[in-house]
Amino acid sequence: MSSKTTVVLTPDWMRCSEAAGRMGCTPTTIRKRLRRGTIPVNWTTIEGTIHLNRAQYLAWLEGKTTKANVA
């Protein structure tokens, strides 16, 4: 018997497509920059989709921080 896991996303996480919309680029660009480390935020893969820490990303985007030390 297999059990299914339910993933509950909180407002603390955003998808690459939302981050790309805020930056004006493609989700592929966001994924590549996350893997290279040029966007210094925590991220995770949930069911094959990359999610970014919202507070860290918004702080980095506004230029308030260069490190992933928010939230």
Protein backbone atom coordinates (compact mmCIF):
# COMPACT_ATOMS: atom_id res chain seq x y z
CA MET A 1 0.00 0.00 0.00
CA SER A 2 1.48 3.32 -1.01
CA SER A 3 0.82 6.51 0.82
CA LYS A 4 0.58 9.88 -0.85
CA THR A 5 2.17 12.86 0.75
CA THR A 6 0.47 16.20 0.66
CA VAL A 7 2.67 19.22 0.22
CA VAL A 8 1.32 22.35 1.85
CA LEU A 9 2.91 25.52 0.56
CA THR A 10 2.89 28.52 2.81
CA PRO A 11 3.11 32.16 1.75
CA ASP A 12 6.79 31.90 2.75
CA TRP A 13 7.65 30.26 -0.59
CA MET A 14 7.25 31.44 -4.19
CA ARG A 15 7.64 29.60 -7.47
CA CYS A 16 10.26 30.45 -10.05
CA SER A 17 7.57 31.82 -12.37
CA GLU A 18 6.52 34.41 -9.78
CA ALA A 19 10.13 35.39 -9.10
CA ALA A 20 10.75 35.66 -12.85
CA GLY A 21 7.74 37.94 -13.24
CA ARG A 22 9.10 40.26 -10.57
CA MET A 23 12.53 40.38 -12.25
CA GLY A 24 11.26 40.54 -15.81
CA CYS A 25 13.01 37.40 -17.01
CA THR A 26 12.15 33.74 -17.64
CA PRO A 27 11.78 31.01 -14.99
CA THR A 28 14.71 29.24 -16.66
CA THR A 29 16.93 32.23 -15.90
CA ILE A 30 15.86 32.15 -12.24
CA ARG A 31 16.60 28.41 -11.99
CA LYS A 32 20.05 28.83 -13.56
CA ARG A 33 20.93 31.78 -11.32
CA LEU A 34 19.81 29.89 -8.20
CA ARG A 35 21.97 26.91 -9.11
CA ARG A 36 24.98 29.17 -9.84
CA GLY A 37 24.43 31.05 -6.58
CA THR A 38 23.99 34.52 -8.08
CA ILE A 39 20.62 34.85 -6.35
CA PRO A 40 21.62 34.30 -2.69
CA VAL A 41 18.39 32.96 -1.20
CA ASN A 42 17.29 29.64 0.24
CA TRP A 43 15.39 27.46 -2.20
CA THR A 44 13.94 23.98 -2.28
CA THR A 45 12.49 21.57 -4.79
CA ILE A 46 8.92 20.48 -4.09
CA GLU A 47 7.50 17.86 -6.44
CA GLY A 48 9.96 18.83 -9.16
CA THR A 49 9.30 22.57 -8.88
CA ILE A 50 11.80 25.02 -7.43
CA HIS A 51 10.46 27.32 -4.71
CA LEU A 52 12.31 30.33 -3.28
CA ASN A 53 12.10 31.83 0.18
CA ARG A 54 9.84 34.84 -0.38
CA ALA A 55 11.20 37.15 2.34
CA GLN A 56 14.82 36.57 1.34
CA TYR A 57 14.10 37.02 -2.36
CA LEU A 58 12.17 40.26 -1.88
CA ALA A 59 14.88 41.65 0.43
CA TRP A 60 17.57 40.74 -2.11
CA LEU A 61 15.54 42.19 -4.97
CA GLU A 62 15.14 45.50 -3.13
CA GLY A 63 18.89 45.58 -2.50
CA LYS A 64 18.59 45.43 1.28
CA THR A 65 20.85 42.41 1.60
CA THR A 66 23.42 40.46 -0.34
CA LYS A 67 23.21 37.42 1.91
CA ALA A 68 20.41 34.99 2.63
CA ASN A 69 20.05 36.11 6.25
CA VAL A 70 16.47 37.40 6.25
CA ALA A 71 13.59 35.34 7.65
